[in-house]
Amino acid sequence: MLNGGTLSLQAGTFTFCDMTLGRSAALTTQGPVISNVVGNVVIGTASRFGPAAGTPVSVNVGGKLVRVSQSAFANASFVAPNGRITFGRDSDFVGCFCTDREKSDKHITLQCPAPLQ
């Protein structure tokens, strides 16, 4: 997705080769979404990734990298058993992740989502 771009996904299952959001981009979901990504996921600087409302977003990553860049926000569940997740400076993450490795910069916020009722 180009810098400043926006994409809204309806509920469903999607398959991507790679998922890359440029700077200040936004990807929102309008219902429960499962994304299967063959390669890597990169959420660009100051970008937003997640549901418009409290619906879950699950991302299965086959590649070696999940990146939540500087000042980016992500609300999702990432499963990348062969990959590494990295959090850039001042990034915010709500959700959970299952990866081989994790790396973070300064001033990040990690939160568990509120339980669904």
Protein backbone atom coordinates (compact mmCIF):
# COMPACT_ATOMS: atom_id res chain seq x y z
CA MET A 1 0.00 0.00 0.00
CA LEU A 2 1.38 3.42 -0.93
CA ASN A 3 2.24 6.13 1.59
CA GLY A 4 -0.96 7.67 2.96
CA GLY A 5 -3.13 4.97 1.36
CA THR A 6 -6.19 3.41 2.96
CA LEU A 7 -7.76 -0.01 2.56
CA SER A 8 -10.87 -1.41 4.22
CA LEU A 9 -11.44 -5.18 4.20
CA GLN A 10 -14.85 -6.74 4.69
CA ALA A 11 -15.16 -9.85 6.88
CA GLY A 12 -13.56 -12.94 5.36
CA THR A 13 -10.34 -14.77 4.61
CA PHE A 14 -7.68 -13.19 2.40
CA THR A 15 -4.36 -14.40 0.97
CA PHE A 16 -1.48 -12.02 0.19
CA CYS A 17 2.02 -12.61 -1.18
CA ASP A 18 3.36 -9.86 1.15
CA MET A 19 1.65 -7.17 3.17
CA THR A 20 3.41 -3.79 3.21
CA LEU A 21 1.86 -0.54 4.38
CA GLY A 22 3.75 2.65 3.50
CA ARG A 23 4.11 5.66 5.79
CA SER A 24 0.88 6.99 7.33
CA ALA A 25 -1.22 4.27 5.66
CA ALA A 26 -4.28 2.60 7.19
CA LEU A 27 -5.69 -0.89 6.81
CA THR A 28 -8.95 -1.43 8.69
CA THR A 29 -11.30 -4.38 8.83
CA GLN A 30 -15.09 -4.30 8.95
CA GLY A 31 -15.60 -7.70 10.57
CA PRO A 32 -13.64 -10.82 11.54
CA VAL A 33 -10.71 -11.19 9.14
CA ILE A 34 -8.11 -13.90 8.65
CA SER A 35 -5.13 -12.87 6.51
CA ASN A 36 -2.75 -15.51 5.22
CA VAL A 37 0.51 -13.88 4.14
CA VAL A 38 2.97 -16.05 2.24
CA GLY A 39 5.87 -13.63 2.80
CA ASN A 40 6.46 -10.77 5.25
CA VAL A 41 4.30 -8.13 6.96
CA VAL A 42 5.56 -4.54 7.32
CA ILE A 43 3.40 -1.85 8.91
CA GLY A 44 5.05 1.43 7.95
CA THR A 45 5.94 4.44 10.06
CA ALA A 46 2.88 6.15 11.60
CA SER A 47 0.51 3.63 9.98
CA ARG A 48 -2.55 1.91 11.48
CA PHE A 49 -3.53 -1.73 11.13
CA GLY A 50 -6.55 -3.37 12.74
CA PRO A 51 -10.31 -3.48 13.12
CA ALA A 52 -12.61 -0.50 12.79
CA ALA A 53 -14.51 -1.90 15.79
CA GLY A 54 -13.78 -4.71 18.24
CA THR A 55 -13.71 -7.54 15.68
CA PRO A 56 -10.65 -9.79 15.64
CA VAL A 57 -7.92 -9.71 13.00
CA SER A 58 -5.74 -12.82 12.64
CA VAL A 59 -2.61 -12.77 10.50
CA ASN A 60 -0.78 -15.98 9.62
CA VAL A 61 2.69 -15.14 8.33
CA GLY A 62 4.80 -17.58 6.35
CA GLY A 63 7.79 -15.25 5.96
CA LYS A 64 10.58 -14.31 8.31
CA LEU A 65 9.48 -10.80 9.37
CA VAL A 66 6.60 -8.97 11.00
CA ARG A 67 7.47 -5.28 11.49
CA VAL A 68 5.46 -2.67 13.39
CA SER A 69 7.45 0.44 12.49
CA GLN A 70 8.10 3.65 14.39
CA SER A 71 4.95 5.34 15.73
CA ALA A 72 2.75 2.69 14.09
CA PHE A 73 -0.31 1.09 15.69
CA ALA A 74 -1.38 -2.55 15.21
CA ASN A 75 -4.32 -4.42 16.72
CA ALA A 76 -4.10 -8.06 15.66
CA SER A 77 -3.01 -11.59 16.38
CA PHE A 78 0.18 -12.48 14.48
CA VAL A 79 1.35 -16.07 14.04
CA ALA A 80 4.78 -16.31 12.39
CA PRO A 81 6.39 -19.51 13.68
CA ASN A 82 9.50 -19.08 11.52
CA GLY A 83 9.73 -15.31 11.79
CA ARG A 84 10.74 -12.44 14.00
CA ILE A 85 8.48 -9.61 15.12
CA THR A 86 10.01 -6.18 15.64
CA PHE A 87 8.52 -3.06 17.19
CA GLY A 88 9.88 0.36 16.24
CA ARG A 89 10.26 3.31 18.56
CA ASP A 90 6.99 4.63 19.99
CA SER A 91 4.91 1.87 18.37
CA ASP A 92 1.69 0.57 19.94
CA PHE A 93 0.50 -3.02 19.74
CA VAL A 94 -2.74 -4.51 21.02
CA GLY A 95 -3.05 -8.24 20.59
CA CYS A 96 -0.85 -11.29 20.74
CA PHE A 97 1.95 -12.82 18.73
CA CYS A 98 3.58 -16.19 18.33
CA THR A 99 6.98 -15.86 16.67
CA ASP A 100 10.42 -17.40 16.78
CA ARG A 101 12.00 -14.14 18.03
CA GLU A 102 11.06 -10.63 19.15
CA LYS A 103 12.96 -7.34 19.09
CA SER A 104 11.84 -3.90 20.22
CA ASP A 105 13.05 -0.32 20.29
CA LYS A 106 12.37 2.31 22.98
CA HIS A 107 9.01 3.52 24.27
CA ILE A 108 6.78 0.80 22.86
CA THR A 109 3.38 -0.13 24.28
CA LEU A 110 2.23 -3.75 24.30
CA GLN A 111 -1.31 -4.51 25.44
CA CYS A 112 -3.43 -7.62 25.72
CA PRO A 113 -6.86 -7.22 24.17
CA ALA A 114 -9.90 -7.14 26.41
CA PRO A 115 -11.64 -10.54 26.52
CA LEU A 116 -14.57 -10.93 24.13
CA GLN A 117 -17.88 -11.21 25.92
